[in-house]
Amino acid sequence: MSTPPPVEERLRAALDARARLIDAHELSPYRPPTGPAWGTRRIRRVASAVAVAAAAAAAVAFLLLSGSPEDNRPAPPARDPRTSSPATSTPSSNTSPTFKPSPTSPPARPETVSPGR
């Protein structure tokens, strides 16, 4: 077997002497490092996840509340054009006055027959 080089022998002797100086009373239990519990990377990750979740919730709410294209039909006219009287010439003073509905009264509705009856 070969003899170790002198540098290695000296290094081993120095480490062995240093190890003998430390006893059980000098050793302390492991304590986690102190400092900020949250790093800036973790805060950025959480903030970006919250922003993405809020954007997704806003998109879903917009799609659900905007309605379907069927709801975008134009509103029906105020009065049914089929029930209005045809335009006549200027009435003469000898004829009886015609009925004019007041603007506050509801429009006349024609009777509808349901197909099941």
C-alpha atoms as a PDB file:
ATOM      1  CA  MET A   1       0.000   0.000   0.000  1.00  0.00           C
ATOM      2  CA  SER A   2       1.213   3.469  -0.800  1.00  0.00           C
ATOM      3  CA  THR A   3       1.742   6.132   1.789  1.00  0.00           C
ATOM      4  CA  PRO A   4      -0.463   9.239   1.548  1.00  0.00           C
ATOM      5  CA  PRO A   5       1.222  12.452   0.491  1.00  0.00           C
ATOM      6  CA  PRO A   6       2.356  14.755   3.273  1.00  0.00           C
ATOM      7  CA  VAL A   7      -0.325  17.390   2.476  1.00  0.00           C
ATOM      8  CA  GLU A   8      -3.107  14.842   2.873  1.00  0.00           C
ATOM      9  CA  GLU A   9      -1.645  13.618   6.194  1.00  0.00           C
ATOM     10  CA  ARG A  10      -1.454  17.126   7.567  1.00  0.00           C
ATOM     11  CA  LEU A  11      -5.006  17.906   6.424  1.00  0.00           C
ATOM     12  CA  ARG A  12      -6.395  14.744   8.079  1.00  0.00           C
ATOM     13  CA  ALA A  13      -4.579  15.516  11.306  1.00  0.00           C
ATOM     14  CA  ALA A  14      -5.897  19.096  11.339  1.00  0.00           C
ATOM     15  CA  LEU A  15      -9.506  18.000  10.726  1.00  0.00           C
ATOM     16  CA  ASP A  16      -9.239  15.288  13.389  1.00  0.00           C
ATOM     17  CA  ALA A  17      -7.901  17.782  15.952  1.00  0.00           C
ATOM     18  CA  ARG A  18     -10.677  20.242  15.144  1.00  0.00           C
ATOM     19  CA  ALA A  19     -13.358  17.520  15.468  1.00  0.00           C
ATOM     20  CA  ARG A  20     -12.052  16.551  18.919  1.00  0.00           C
ATOM     21  CA  LEU A  21     -12.524  20.114  20.162  1.00  0.00           C
ATOM     22  CA  ILE A  22     -16.310  20.005  19.561  1.00  0.00           C
ATOM     23  CA  ASP A  23     -18.413  18.135  22.117  1.00  0.00           C
ATOM     24  CA  ALA A  24     -22.201  17.516  22.478  1.00  0.00           C
ATOM     25  CA  HIS A  25     -22.770  20.675  24.532  1.00  0.00           C
ATOM     26  CA  GLU A  26     -21.529  22.921  21.764  1.00  0.00           C
ATOM     27  CA  LEU A  27     -23.903  21.411  19.206  1.00  0.00           C
ATOM     28  CA  SER A  28     -27.271  23.142  18.951  1.00  0.00           C
ATOM     29  CA  PRO A  29     -30.524  21.821  17.558  1.00  0.00           C
ATOM     30  CA  TYR A  30     -31.423  22.783  14.035  1.00  0.00           C
ATOM     31  CA  ARG A  31     -33.276  26.087  13.800  1.00  0.00           C
ATOM     32  CA  PRO A  32     -34.819  27.272  10.554  1.00  0.00           C
ATOM     33  CA  PRO A  33     -33.427  30.491   9.179  1.00  0.00           C
ATOM     34  CA  THR A  34     -35.191  33.659  10.216  1.00  0.00           C
ATOM     35  CA  GLY A  35     -36.321  36.368   7.859  1.00  0.00           C
ATOM     36  CA  PRO A  36     -39.244  37.078   5.601  1.00  0.00           C
ATOM     37  CA  ALA A  37     -41.498  34.054   5.278  1.00  0.00           C
ATOM     38  CA  TRP A  38     -42.712  35.082   1.839  1.00  0.00           C
ATOM     39  CA  GLY A  39     -40.291  35.875  -0.931  1.00  0.00           C
ATOM     40  CA  THR A  40     -41.033  38.301  -3.711  1.00  0.00           C
ATOM     41  CA  ARG A  41     -41.291  35.459  -6.224  1.00  0.00           C
ATOM     42  CA  ARG A  42     -43.939  33.720  -4.160  1.00  0.00           C
ATOM     43  CA  ILE A  43     -45.890  36.966  -3.733  1.00  0.00           C
ATOM     44  CA  ARG A  44     -45.756  37.607  -7.480  1.00  0.00           C
ATOM     45  CA  ARG A  45     -46.911  34.049  -8.197  1.00  0.00           C
ATOM     46  CA  VAL A  46     -49.877  34.367  -5.857  1.00  0.00           C
ATOM     47  CA  ALA A  47     -50.773  37.830  -7.189  1.00  0.00           C
ATOM     48  CA  SER A  48     -50.655  36.638 -10.799  1.00  0.00           C
ATOM     49  CA  ALA A  49     -52.770  33.575  -9.949  1.00  0.00           C
ATOM     50  CA  VAL A  50     -55.364  35.826  -8.290  1.00  0.00           C
ATOM     51  CA  ALA A  51     -55.360  38.163 -11.308  1.00  0.00           C
ATOM     52  CA  VAL A  52     -55.844  35.254 -13.733  1.00  0.00           C
ATOM     53  CA  ALA A  53     -58.673  33.833 -11.614  1.00  0.00           C
ATOM     54  CA  ALA A  54     -60.388  37.239 -11.461  1.00  0.00           C
ATOM     55  CA  ALA A  55     -60.085  37.661 -15.240  1.00  0.00           C
ATOM     56  CA  ALA A  56     -61.536  34.206 -15.826  1.00  0.00           C
ATOM     57  CA  ALA A  57     -64.439  34.906 -13.462  1.00  0.00           C
ATOM     58  CA  ALA A  58     -65.122  38.225 -15.208  1.00  0.00           C
ATOM     59  CA  ALA A  59     -65.117  36.519 -18.621  1.00  0.00           C
ATOM     60  CA  VAL A  60     -67.536  33.823 -17.448  1.00  0.00           C
ATOM     61  CA  ALA A  61     -69.820  36.423 -15.862  1.00  0.00           C
ATOM     62  CA  PHE A  62     -69.800  38.493 -19.040  1.00  0.00           C
ATOM     63  CA  LEU A  63     -70.676  35.487 -21.184  1.00  0.00           C
ATOM     64  CA  LEU A  64     -73.460  34.368 -18.853  1.00  0.00           C
ATOM     65  CA  LEU A  65     -74.980  37.811 -18.349  1.00  0.00           C
ATOM     66  CA  SER A  66     -74.693  39.090 -21.918  1.00  0.00           C
ATOM     67  CA  GLY A  67     -77.494  36.796 -23.096  1.00  0.00           C
ATOM     68  CA  SER A  68     -77.906  34.884 -26.304  1.00  0.00           C
ATOM     69  CA  PRO A  69     -78.318  36.374 -29.789  1.00  0.00           C
ATOM     70  CA  GLU A  70     -81.998  35.385 -29.725  1.00  0.00           C
ATOM     71  CA  ASP A  71     -82.599  37.973 -27.010  1.00  0.00           C
ATOM     72  CA  ASN A  72     -81.340  40.754 -29.266  1.00  0.00           C
ATOM     73  CA  ARG A  73     -84.494  40.793 -31.382  1.00  0.00           C
ATOM     74  CA  PRO A  74     -86.078  44.216 -31.882  1.00  0.00           C
ATOM     75  CA  ALA A  75     -88.903  45.137 -29.552  1.00  0.00           C
ATOM     76  CA  PRO A  76     -92.436  44.717 -30.912  1.00  0.00           C
ATOM     77  CA  PRO A  77     -94.272  47.871 -31.979  1.00  0.00           C
ATOM     78  CA  ALA A  78     -96.276  49.802 -29.407  1.00  0.00           C
ATOM     79  CA  ARG A  79     -99.578  48.941 -31.137  1.00  0.00           C
ATOM     80  CA  ASP A  80    -100.419  46.074 -33.385  1.00  0.00           C
ATOM     81  CA  PRO A  81    -100.485  47.603 -36.889  1.00  0.00           C
ATOM     82  CA  ARG A  82    -103.228  45.174 -38.001  1.00  0.00           C
ATOM     83  CA  THR A  83    -105.741  46.542 -35.486  1.00  0.00           C
ATOM     84  CA  SER A  84    -105.244  50.241 -36.209  1.00  0.00           C
ATOM     85  CA  SER A  85    -107.913  51.911 -38.300  1.00  0.00           C
ATOM     86  CA  PRO A  86    -106.997  52.800 -41.881  1.00  0.00           C
ATOM     87  CA  ALA A  87    -106.272  56.411 -42.660  1.00  0.00           C
ATOM     88  CA  THR A  88    -109.387  58.225 -43.819  1.00  0.00           C
ATOM     89  CA  SER A  89    -109.897  61.513 -45.505  1.00  0.00           C
ATOM     90  CA  THR A  90    -110.626  64.569 -43.402  1.00  0.00           C
ATOM     91  CA  PRO A  91    -113.822  64.007 -41.479  1.00  0.00           C
ATOM     92  CA  SER A  92    -116.718  66.296 -42.254  1.00  0.00           C
ATOM     93  CA  SER A  93    -118.487  68.179 -39.529  1.00  0.00           C
ATOM     94  CA  ASN A  94    -121.716  66.229 -40.226  1.00  0.00           C
ATOM     95  CA  THR A  95    -120.263  62.853 -39.183  1.00  0.00           C
ATOM     96  CA  SER A  96    -120.036  61.655 -35.626  1.00  0.00           C
ATOM     97  CA  PRO A  97    -116.700  62.100 -33.852  1.00  0.00           C
ATOM     98  CA  THR A  98    -114.349  59.131 -34.017  1.00  0.00           C
ATOM     99  CA  PHE A  99    -112.895  57.485 -30.934  1.00  0.00           C
ATOM    100  CA  LYS A 100    -109.289  58.369 -30.206  1.00  0.00           C
ATOM    101  CA  PRO A 101    -107.595  56.305 -27.487  1.00  0.00           C
ATOM    102  CA  SER A 102    -105.863  58.254 -24.786  1.00  0.00           C
ATOM    103  CA  PRO A 103    -102.087  57.896 -24.644  1.00  0.00           C
ATOM    104  CA  THR A 104    -102.321  56.359 -21.173  1.00  0.00           C
ATOM    105  CA  SER A 105    -104.762  53.595 -22.093  1.00  0.00           C
ATOM    106  CA  PRO A 106    -103.274  50.216 -23.071  1.00  0.00           C
ATOM    107  CA  PRO A 107    -103.421  49.277 -26.759  1.00  0.00           C
ATOM    108  CA  ALA A 108    -106.230  47.043 -27.912  1.00  0.00           C
ATOM    109  CA  ARG A 109    -105.263  43.393 -28.228  1.00  0.00           C
ATOM    110  CA  PRO A 110    -106.914  41.016 -30.653  1.00  0.00           C
ATOM    111  CA  GLU A 111    -108.205  37.763 -29.221  1.00  0.00           C
ATOM    112  CA  THR A 112    -105.950  34.856 -29.949  1.00  0.00           C
ATOM    113  CA  VAL A 113    -107.038  31.256 -30.144  1.00  0.00           C
ATOM    114  CA  SER A 114    -104.613  28.760 -28.694  1.00  0.00           C
ATOM    115  CA  PRO A 115    -104.008  25.703 -30.912  1.00  0.00           C
ATOM    116  CA  GLY A 116    -104.842  23.278 -28.087  1.00  0.00           C
ATOM    117  CA  ARG A 117    -108.456  24.478 -27.629  1.00  0.00           C
END
